[in-house]
């Protein structure tokens, strides 16, 4: 008995869990449990690193994924987690190859709609229903609905992924330039007309600095399709309807879409040249910024960049264009999923819960700088310190169209983007470009 007591004390001392902030985890390790001896392979996309690195914006040390690995393996003693990290470039094709070969158990999967339709993902509703300790209420509003998808045999949308990395789009503006031009700040929910008038007023020679200013900027390349869709939403229009491919119908040539593209063409007059090649915004989020309004801004490293440059009193956020019901904007981010061919599905489900816990969600926000997807983030001290930026970002995450556009990672997106670029470069009128986008996208769906 004496030797047993010593052994138990030793186990208790060595298995104390530490969070990303150095605080002990409230959960005890599950030693010798049903998962002992199992190895879980997790695929992640983007700016993740196993070891500590230096943040190129702030110069501060960023903790590597090793802290996440250690925490999980402490909680589930006897298990092992391995990470497979891939860049965003070519991630769809690489993910497809990994799923086919059974290379991982859990996947970060923004293209969930296409993969669920192939029958290669595990439906999660049975796990959710069978786990009394797990609730979808932990997530920010609309985050779960945004990733709903159809499996090959589903009649209704189902849950194949849990929100992991949050994301949103919004309008950002420089209050200092507004002040120098004597222009009233953007309203929290601006209209297209308001943005146009204020962009026009701030284009020209700055009356205070004497420098050339531009009223607006937006990307004219890879994200232009989503910018255009949001303009249609602001006019109570919509991209189309349907979700299953045999039911999808596009509205790419609708009056709202044509008016939106004509609006973008007009905005070129108040923007620096080079939109289509992602140029002209080099000074944005610097002390020498010369752009008043930025459309379709994502969170990315926004707060880090703003505070690193000392712009916290200059930069403000307004919402993207909304319809009369307050809905509009791009739903974005990344869910996590379980592979249908995984041999350790129960352990994978435990990882799903762990990855959406405060420990991991706070880690991805405070270290790599990604957006969390859980409601509790609103209470974190690190979020409250930048609440004037983070609060409207969280609002933007809760008000887009859901579920995510089913064509968001498929060919129709690239067809529409190409036609928007053609209009922005003067190759076609707005109406011609969108008629072509409508026809090509419809043909693609019918021949798919």
Protein backbone atom coordinates (compact mmCIF):
# COMPACT_ATOMS: atom_id res chain seq x y z
CA UNK A 1 0.00 0.00 0.00
CA UNK A 2 2.86 2.36 0.84
CA UNK A 3 4.51 1.75 -2.55
CA UNK A 4 1.15 2.22 -4.32
CA UNK A 5 0.63 5.59 -2.60
CA UNK A 6 4.07 6.74 -3.75
CA UNK A 7 3.29 5.67 -7.32
CA UNK A 8 -0.04 7.50 -7.31
CA UNK A 9 1.52 10.70 -5.98
CA UNK A 10 4.20 10.48 -8.67
CA UNK A 11 1.60 10.09 -11.43
CA UNK A 12 -0.43 13.00 -10.12
CA UNK A 13 2.58 15.29 -9.99
CA UNK A 14 3.94 14.45 -13.42
CA UNK A 15 0.65 14.70 -15.29
CA UNK A 16 -0.35 18.23 -14.30
CA UNK A 17 -1.59 19.96 -17.45
CA UNK A 18 -0.55 23.41 -18.52
CA UNK A 19 -2.51 25.77 -20.76
CA UNK A 20 -1.01 28.15 -23.35
CA UNK A 21 -0.94 30.82 -20.64
CA UNK A 22 0.82 28.57 -18.16
CA UNK A 23 -2.28 27.78 -16.10
CA UNK A 24 -3.16 24.24 -15.11
CA UNK A 25 -5.87 22.50 -17.10
CA UNK A 26 -8.94 21.54 -15.10
CA UNK A 27 -9.17 18.14 -16.79
CA UNK A 28 -7.34 15.09 -15.46
CA UNK A 29 -5.47 12.72 -17.77
CA UNK A 30 -7.30 9.59 -18.89
CA UNK A 31 -4.50 7.14 -18.15
CA UNK A 32 -4.80 3.60 -19.38
CA UNK A 33 -8.17 4.35 -20.96
CA UNK A 34 -9.76 3.09 -24.15
CA UNK A 35 -7.44 5.24 -26.28
CA UNK A 36 -4.12 4.05 -24.86
CA UNK A 37 -1.65 3.13 -27.59
CA UNK A 38 -3.55 4.99 -30.33
CA UNK A 39 -1.94 7.54 -32.66
CA UNK A 40 -4.01 10.38 -34.13
CA UNK A 41 -2.87 12.18 -37.29
CA UNK A 42 -4.15 15.73 -37.75
CA UNK A 43 -3.79 17.74 -40.97
CA UNK A 44 -3.63 21.55 -40.64
CA UNK A 45 -3.33 24.25 -43.30
CA UNK A 46 -1.53 27.57 -43.12
CA UNK A 47 0.80 29.35 -40.74
CA UNK A 48 1.24 26.64 -38.13
CA UNK A 49 4.63 25.51 -36.84
CA UNK A 50 5.56 22.77 -34.41
CA UNK A 51 8.36 24.76 -32.77
CA UNK A 52 8.42 28.30 -31.42
CA UNK A 53 8.99 31.03 -34.00
CA UNK A 54 9.31 34.83 -34.11
CA UNK A 55 6.28 36.83 -35.23
CA UNK A 56 7.41 38.90 -38.26
CA UNK A 57 4.98 41.71 -37.33
CA UNK A 58 5.47 42.09 -33.59
CA UNK A 59 8.91 40.51 -33.16
CA UNK A 60 7.55 38.46 -30.24
CA UNK A 61 7.97 34.72 -29.75
CA UNK A 62 5.10 32.57 -30.97
CA UNK A 63 4.55 29.24 -29.25
CA UNK A 64 4.55 26.24 -31.56
CA UNK A 65 1.98 23.47 -31.85
CA UNK A 66 4.09 21.43 -29.47
CA UNK A 67 2.15 22.99 -26.56
CA UNK A 68 -1.10 21.73 -28.10
CA UNK A 69 0.41 18.30 -28.67
CA UNK A 70 1.65 18.10 -25.09
CA UNK A 71 -1.69 19.14 -23.64
CA UNK A 72 -3.67 16.60 -25.64
CA UNK A 73 -1.26 13.78 -24.86
CA UNK A 74 -1.42 14.72 -21.17
CA UNK A 75 -5.20 14.67 -21.20
CA UNK A 76 -5.28 11.32 -22.99
CA UNK A 77 -2.32 9.53 -21.49
CA UNK A 78 -0.91 6.81 -23.67
CA UNK A 79 -1.99 8.45 -26.93
CA UNK A 80 0.09 10.25 -29.51
CA UNK A 81 -0.88 13.06 -31.88
CA UNK A 82 1.04 13.84 -35.06
CA UNK A 83 0.52 16.99 -37.16
CA UNK A 84 0.75 17.20 -40.94
CA UNK A 85 1.04 20.87 -41.89
CA UNK A 86 0.54 22.01 -45.48
CA UNK A 87 0.57 25.47 -47.13
CA UNK A 88 -2.58 27.01 -48.59
CA UNK A 89 -1.21 26.68 -52.10
CA UNK A 90 -2.71 23.58 -53.70
CA UNK A 91 -4.36 22.47 -50.48
CA UNK A 92 -7.47 21.09 -52.23
CA UNK A 93 -5.53 18.67 -54.42
CA UNK A 94 -3.23 17.68 -51.56
CA UNK A 95 -6.16 17.07 -49.22
CA UNK A 96 -7.83 14.91 -51.87
CA UNK A 97 -4.71 12.77 -52.17
CA UNK A 98 -4.39 12.44 -48.39
CA UNK A 99 -8.01 11.36 -48.00
CA UNK A 100 -7.65 8.77 -50.73
CA UNK A 101 -4.58 7.24 -49.13
CA UNK A 102 -5.87 7.49 -45.56
CA UNK A 103 -2.95 9.65 -44.51
CA UNK A 104 -4.73 11.50 -41.67
CA UNK A 105 -7.67 11.09 -39.30
CA UNK A 106 -8.69 14.72 -38.81
CA UNK A 107 -8.63 17.40 -41.51
CA UNK A 108 -8.89 21.18 -41.57
CA UNK A 109 -11.27 21.52 -44.50
CA UNK A 110 -12.62 24.83 -45.89
CA UNK A 111 -13.79 22.93 -48.99
CA UNK A 112 -16.06 20.72 -46.91
CA UNK A 113 -19.00 20.83 -49.35
CA UNK A 114 -17.14 19.05 -52.15
CA UNK A 115 -15.54 16.46 -49.88
CA UNK A 116 -18.74 15.62 -47.99
CA UNK A 117 -20.44 14.94 -51.33
CA UNK A 118 -17.77 12.32 -52.08
CA UNK A 119 -18.67 10.32 -48.98
CA UNK A 120 -15.17 10.56 -47.52
CA UNK A 121 -16.16 12.38 -44.31
CA UNK A 122 -17.71 11.03 -41.13
CA UNK A 123 -21.11 12.53 -40.17
CA UNK A 124 -20.83 14.12 -36.73
CA UNK A 125 -24.43 14.25 -35.51
CA UNK A 126 -24.23 10.76 -33.88
CA UNK A 127 -21.16 11.86 -31.91
CA UNK A 128 -22.86 15.11 -30.86
CA UNK A 129 -26.03 13.31 -29.78
CA UNK A 130 -24.07 10.68 -27.86
CA UNK A 131 -21.85 13.09 -25.92
CA UNK A 132 -23.66 14.75 -23.01
CA UNK A 133 -20.61 16.89 -22.21
CA UNK A 134 -20.55 18.56 -25.62
CA UNK A 135 -22.84 21.35 -26.84
CA UNK A 136 -22.93 23.29 -30.09
CA UNK A 137 -23.84 26.35 -28.02
CA UNK A 138 -20.12 26.96 -27.50
CA UNK A 139 -19.80 28.38 -31.02
CA UNK A 140 -20.45 31.91 -32.26
CA UNK A 141 -23.87 32.25 -33.90
CA UNK A 142 -24.07 30.89 -37.46
CA UNK A 143 -20.67 29.21 -37.31
CA UNK A 144 -22.10 25.69 -37.23
CA UNK A 145 -24.75 26.41 -39.87
CA UNK A 146 -22.12 27.89 -42.15
CA UNK A 147 -20.38 24.54 -42.60
CA UNK A 148 -23.42 22.33 -43.14
CA UNK A 149 -23.03 20.01 -46.11
CA UNK A 150 -24.67 17.16 -48.00
CA UNK A 151 -23.29 13.63 -48.06
CA UNK A 152 -23.97 11.43 -51.09
CA UNK A 153 -27.06 9.88 -49.47
CA UNK A 154 -28.32 12.89 -47.49
CA UNK A 155 -31.64 14.55 -48.21
CA UNK A 156 -31.06 17.36 -45.71
CA UNK A 157 -27.98 19.36 -44.76
CA UNK A 158 -25.93 17.64 -42.06
CA UNK A 159 -22.99 18.42 -39.77
CA UNK A 160 -19.73 17.05 -41.15
CA UNK A 161 -17.41 19.62 -39.57
CA UNK A 162 -17.04 21.70 -36.43
CA UNK A 163 -15.94 25.36 -36.62
CA UNK A 164 -12.21 25.60 -35.96
CA UNK A 165 -10.74 28.77 -37.48
CA UNK A 166 -13.15 31.67 -37.65
CA UNK A 167 -13.10 34.31 -40.36
CA UNK A 168 -15.23 37.13 -41.74
CA UNK A 169 -15.17 40.08 -44.10
CA UNK A 170 -15.86 43.71 -43.22
CA UNK A 171 -15.08 47.29 -44.26
CA UNK A 172 -12.12 49.00 -42.61
CA UNK A 173 -11.33 52.72 -42.75
CA UNK A 174 -8.75 55.24 -41.58
CA UNK A 175 -10.31 57.84 -39.28
CA UNK A 176 -7.32 60.17 -39.58
CA UNK A 177 -7.85 60.57 -43.32
CA UNK A 178 -11.56 61.17 -42.73
CA UNK A 179 -10.65 63.90 -40.23
CA UNK A 180 -8.11 65.52 -42.55
CA UNK A 181 -10.68 65.67 -45.34
CA UNK A 182 -13.48 66.77 -43.02
CA UNK A 183 -15.60 63.73 -43.93
CA UNK A 184 -17.94 62.09 -41.44
CA UNK A 185 -16.91 58.58 -40.41
CA UNK A 186 -18.65 55.61 -42.00
CA UNK A 187 -21.81 54.46 -40.29
CA UNK A 188 -21.75 51.02 -38.67
CA UNK A 189 -23.88 49.65 -41.53
CA UNK A 190 -23.02 51.77 -44.57
CA UNK A 191 -24.82 51.65 -47.88
CA UNK A 192 -23.20 51.53 -51.30
CA UNK A 193 -24.17 55.15 -51.85
CA UNK A 194 -22.57 56.27 -48.59
CA UNK A 195 -19.30 54.48 -49.36
CA UNK A 196 -19.23 55.90 -52.89
CA UNK A 197 -19.79 59.51 -51.78
CA UNK A 198 -17.18 59.38 -49.03
CA UNK A 199 -14.62 57.65 -51.25
CA UNK A 200 -15.15 60.36 -53.85
CA UNK A 201 -14.66 63.12 -51.29
CA UNK A 202 -11.31 61.71 -50.12
CA UNK A 203 -9.72 61.21 -53.55
CA UNK A 204 -7.19 63.84 -54.53
CA UNK A 205 -4.61 66.00 -52.78
CA UNK A 206 -4.97 65.77 -49.01
CA UNK A 207 -5.78 69.30 -47.73
CA UNK A 208 -3.61 68.80 -44.62
CA UNK A 209 -0.61 66.77 -45.81
CA UNK A 210 -0.55 67.74 -49.48
CA UNK A 211 -0.15 64.05 -50.37
CA UNK A 212 -2.18 62.14 -52.95
CA UNK A 213 -5.00 60.19 -51.31
CA UNK A 214 -7.40 57.58 -52.65
CA UNK A 215 -10.88 57.11 -51.31
CA UNK A 216 -11.11 53.35 -51.61
CA UNK A 217 -9.32 50.09 -52.41
CA UNK A 218 -10.42 46.51 -53.01
CA UNK A 219 -8.78 43.42 -54.43
CA UNK A 220 -9.62 42.96 -58.07
CA UNK A 221 -8.32 39.42 -58.26
CA UNK A 222 -9.00 36.30 -56.17
CA UNK A 223 -11.59 37.77 -53.75
CA UNK A 224 -13.42 39.98 -56.24
CA UNK A 225 -16.24 37.45 -56.76
CA UNK A 226 -17.11 37.59 -53.07
CA UNK A 227 -16.93 41.39 -53.03
CA UNK A 228 -19.42 41.45 -55.89
CA UNK A 229 -21.77 38.94 -54.25
CA UNK A 230 -21.85 41.12 -51.13
CA UNK A 231 -22.80 44.16 -53.23
CA UNK A 232 -25.78 42.18 -54.55
CA UNK A 233 -26.71 41.21 -50.99
CA UNK A 234 -26.70 44.88 -50.01
CA UNK A 235 -29.39 45.40 -52.66
CA UNK A 236 -31.49 42.49 -51.33
CA UNK A 237 -30.16 40.23 -54.08
CA UNK A 238 -28.54 36.82 -53.77
CA UNK A 239 -26.00 34.69 -55.62
CA UNK A 240 -28.70 32.16 -56.56
CA UNK A 241 -30.34 29.22 -54.84
CA UNK A 242 -29.98 25.52 -54.11
CA UNK A 243 -27.25 23.49 -52.47
CA UNK A 244 -27.03 20.05 -54.09
CA UNK A 245 -25.42 20.49 -57.49
CA UNK A 246 -28.46 19.21 -59.36
CA UNK A 247 -30.53 21.94 -57.69
CA UNK A 248 -28.15 24.91 -57.93
CA UNK A 249 -29.31 27.90 -59.97
CA UNK A 250 -27.13 31.02 -60.35
CA UNK A 251 -28.21 34.66 -60.41
CA UNK A 252 -24.86 35.96 -61.63
CA UNK A 253 -26.53 38.04 -64.36
CA UNK A 254 -29.25 39.50 -62.12
CA UNK A 255 -29.89 43.29 -62.03
CA UNK A 256 -28.37 43.44 -58.53
CA UNK A 257 -25.16 41.76 -59.69
CA UNK A 258 -24.86 43.95 -62.79
CA UNK A 259 -25.45 47.09 -60.72
CA UNK A 260 -22.86 45.88 -58.21
CA UNK A 261 -20.21 45.34 -60.88
CA UNK A 262 -20.94 48.73 -62.42
CA UNK A 263 -20.47 50.20 -58.93
CA UNK A 264 -17.06 48.51 -58.67
CA UNK A 265 -16.10 49.91 -62.07
CA UNK A 266 -17.00 53.37 -60.83
CA UNK A 267 -15.00 52.84 -57.64
CA UNK A 268 -11.89 52.35 -59.77
CA UNK A 269 -11.92 56.11 -60.31
CA UNK A 270 -11.27 56.65 -56.60
CA UNK A 271 -8.70 53.86 -56.18
CA UNK A 272 -5.00 53.58 -57.03
CA UNK A 273 -4.15 51.65 -60.18
CA UNK A 274 -3.25 47.98 -59.99
CA UNK A 275 -6.35 46.52 -58.32
CA UNK A 276 -6.42 43.45 -60.53
CA UNK A 277 -2.77 42.67 -59.77
CA UNK A 278 -3.23 43.32 -56.04
CA UNK A 279 -1.24 46.57 -56.15
CA UNK A 280 -1.76 50.06 -54.82
CA UNK A 281 -2.39 49.26 -51.16
CA UNK A 282 1.21 48.95 -50.04
CA UNK A 283 0.85 51.80 -47.51
CA UNK A 284 -2.36 50.44 -45.98
CA UNK A 285 -2.09 49.86 -42.21
CA UNK A 286 1.06 51.96 -41.99
CA UNK A 287 1.61 55.47 -40.65
CA UNK A 288 1.87 56.68 -44.25
CA UNK A 289 -1.46 55.20 -45.34
CA UNK A 290 -3.06 57.01 -48.28
CA UNK A 291 -6.34 55.03 -48.62
CA UNK A 292 -9.55 56.02 -46.87
CA UNK A 293 -11.72 52.90 -47.15
CA UNK A 294 -10.77 49.23 -47.55
CA UNK A 295 -13.46 46.83 -48.81
CA UNK A 296 -13.62 43.10 -48.10
CA UNK A 297 -11.05 43.21 -45.29
CA UNK A 298 -10.36 39.98 -43.40
CA UNK A 299 -9.15 39.71 -39.80
CA UNK A 300 -5.87 37.94 -40.59
CA UNK A 301 -3.21 39.76 -38.59
CA UNK A 302 -5.28 42.96 -38.49
CA UNK A 303 -5.04 43.64 -34.76
CA UNK A 304 -1.34 42.72 -34.64
CA UNK A 305 -0.57 45.03 -37.57
CA UNK A 306 -2.66 47.90 -36.19
CA UNK A 307 -1.02 47.83 -32.77
CA UNK A 308 2.48 47.16 -34.09
CA UNK A 309 2.17 50.30 -36.25
CA UNK A 310 0.56 52.38 -33.47
CA UNK A 311 -2.65 52.84 -35.47
CA UNK A 312 -5.13 51.77 -32.80
CA UNK A 313 -6.71 55.27 -32.73
CA UNK A 314 -6.90 55.50 -36.54
CA UNK A 315 -8.37 52.24 -37.79
CA UNK A 316 -12.08 51.46 -37.40
CA UNK A 317 -14.44 48.80 -38.75
CA UNK A 318 -17.87 48.98 -40.39
CA UNK A 319 -19.97 46.03 -41.49
CA UNK A 320 -20.15 44.76 -45.05
CA UNK A 321 -23.33 45.46 -46.98
CA UNK A 322 -26.43 43.81 -45.50
CA UNK A 323 -29.92 43.17 -46.82
CA UNK A 324 -33.05 44.45 -45.11
CA UNK A 325 -32.90 41.53 -42.66
CA UNK A 326 -29.35 42.43 -41.57
CA UNK A 327 -27.80 39.45 -43.40
CA UNK A 328 -24.87 39.65 -45.79
CA UNK A 329 -21.17 39.09 -46.18
CA UNK A 330 -18.86 36.17 -46.85
CA UNK A 331 -18.88 33.19 -44.52
CA UNK A 332 -15.28 32.02 -44.30
CA UNK A 333 -12.80 30.17 -42.12
CA UNK A 334 -12.04 26.47 -41.72
CA UNK A 335 -13.91 23.61 -40.06
CA UNK A 336 -12.32 20.39 -38.87
CA UNK A 337 -13.61 16.99 -39.99
CA UNK A 338 -13.08 13.28 -39.37
CA UNK A 339 -12.06 11.08 -42.29
CA UNK A 340 -14.47 8.27 -43.07
CA UNK A 341 -11.56 5.82 -43.35
CA UNK A 342 -10.01 6.76 -40.00
CA UNK A 343 -9.21 3.79 -37.77
CA UNK A 344 -9.39 5.88 -34.57
CA UNK A 345 -12.69 7.75 -34.96
CA UNK A 346 -13.53 7.87 -31.26
CA UNK A 347 -10.16 9.42 -30.46
CA UNK A 348 -10.66 11.77 -33.41
CA UNK A 349 -13.94 12.93 -31.84
CA UNK A 350 -12.09 13.64 -28.59
CA UNK A 351 -9.68 15.76 -30.65
CA UNK A 352 -12.60 17.63 -32.22
CA UNK A 353 -13.81 18.64 -28.77
CA UNK A 354 -10.31 19.51 -27.65
CA UNK A 355 -9.63 21.63 -30.76
CA UNK A 356 -12.77 23.68 -30.08
CA UNK A 357 -12.03 24.08 -26.36
CA UNK A 358 -10.82 27.35 -24.87
CA UNK A 359 -7.30 25.98 -24.56
CA UNK A 360 -6.78 25.47 -28.29
CA UNK A 361 -9.00 28.33 -29.43
CA UNK A 362 -7.11 30.77 -27.23
CA UNK A 363 -3.83 29.33 -28.48
CA UNK A 364 -4.68 29.87 -32.16
CA UNK A 365 -5.73 33.46 -31.43
CA UNK A 366 -2.88 34.52 -29.16
CA UNK A 367 -0.05 32.64 -30.87
CA UNK A 368 -0.48 32.10 -34.67
CA UNK A 369 -3.00 34.96 -34.72
CA UNK A 370 -6.01 33.15 -36.25
CA UNK A 371 -9.62 33.93 -35.37
CA UNK A 372 -11.38 31.78 -32.75
CA UNK A 373 -14.86 30.40 -33.38
CA UNK A 374 -16.18 30.17 -29.81
CA UNK A 375 -18.38 32.60 -27.87
CA UNK A 376 -16.17 32.50 -24.81
CA UNK A 377 -13.51 34.42 -26.76
CA UNK A 378 -15.48 37.60 -26.13
CA UNK A 379 -14.49 37.33 -22.47
CA UNK A 380 -10.77 36.71 -22.95
CA UNK A 381 -8.57 39.53 -21.70
CA UNK A 382 -6.52 39.40 -24.91
CA UNK A 383 -9.71 40.04 -26.93
CA UNK A 384 -11.14 42.70 -24.62
CA UNK A 385 -7.93 44.70 -24.94
CA UNK A 386 -8.75 45.24 -28.62
CA UNK A 387 -12.54 45.22 -28.30
CA UNK A 388 -13.08 48.22 -30.64
CA UNK A 389 -11.76 46.01 -33.45
CA UNK A 390 -12.73 42.54 -32.27
CA UNK A 391 -16.37 43.25 -31.38
CA UNK A 392 -17.37 44.24 -34.94
CA UNK A 393 -15.32 41.33 -36.32
CA UNK A 394 -17.29 38.88 -34.16
CA UNK A 395 -20.50 40.56 -35.30
CA UNK A 396 -19.43 40.10 -38.92
CA UNK A 397 -18.85 36.40 -38.20
CA UNK A 398 -22.41 36.00 -36.94
CA UNK A 399 -24.33 37.74 -39.76
CA UNK A 400 -23.25 36.32 -43.17
CA UNK A 401 -25.25 34.09 -45.48
CA UNK A 402 -25.22 30.50 -44.24
CA UNK A 403 -24.56 27.81 -45.14
CA UNK A 404 -21.45 28.81 -47.06
CA UNK A 405 -21.96 29.32 -50.79
CA UNK A 406 -21.81 25.72 -52.13
CA UNK A 407 -19.73 26.90 -55.08
CA UNK A 408 -17.27 28.84 -52.88
CA UNK A 409 -14.38 26.43 -53.52
CA UNK A 410 -15.52 25.19 -56.94
CA UNK A 411 -15.23 26.25 -60.56
CA UNK A 412 -18.11 28.79 -60.59
CA UNK A 413 -16.18 30.94 -58.14
CA UNK A 414 -13.20 31.09 -60.49
CA UNK A 415 -15.41 31.69 -63.51
CA UNK A 416 -17.05 34.66 -61.77
CA UNK A 417 -13.69 35.99 -60.56
CA UNK A 418 -12.27 35.84 -64.09
CA UNK A 419 -15.22 37.76 -65.52
CA UNK A 420 -15.01 40.44 -62.83
CA UNK A 421 -11.33 40.87 -63.73
CA UNK A 422 -12.27 41.13 -67.40
CA UNK A 423 -14.68 43.96 -66.60
CA UNK A 424 -12.19 45.75 -64.35
CA UNK A 425 -9.55 45.66 -67.11
CA UNK A 426 -11.97 47.00 -69.72
CA UNK A 427 -12.27 43.82 -71.76
CA UNK A 428 -16.03 43.59 -71.25
CA UNK A 429 -18.91 45.63 -69.91
CA UNK A 430 -20.44 44.61 -66.59
CA UNK A 431 -23.44 43.11 -68.36
CA UNK A 432 -21.32 41.17 -70.86
CA UNK A 433 -19.05 39.81 -68.14
CA UNK A 434 -21.90 38.59 -65.96
CA UNK A 435 -23.82 37.06 -68.84
CA UNK A 436 -20.71 35.00 -69.62
CA UNK A 437 -20.26 34.07 -65.94
CA UNK A 438 -23.89 32.94 -65.75
CA UNK A 439 -23.66 30.80 -68.89
CA UNK A 440 -20.29 29.20 -68.10
CA UNK A 441 -21.21 28.44 -64.49
CA UNK A 442 -24.56 26.94 -65.52
CA UNK A 443 -22.88 24.84 -68.21
CA UNK A 444 -20.29 23.62 -65.70
CA UNK A 445 -22.95 22.49 -63.23
CA UNK A 446 -24.98 20.73 -65.91
CA UNK A 447 -21.95 18.82 -67.19
CA UNK A 448 -20.47 18.11 -63.77
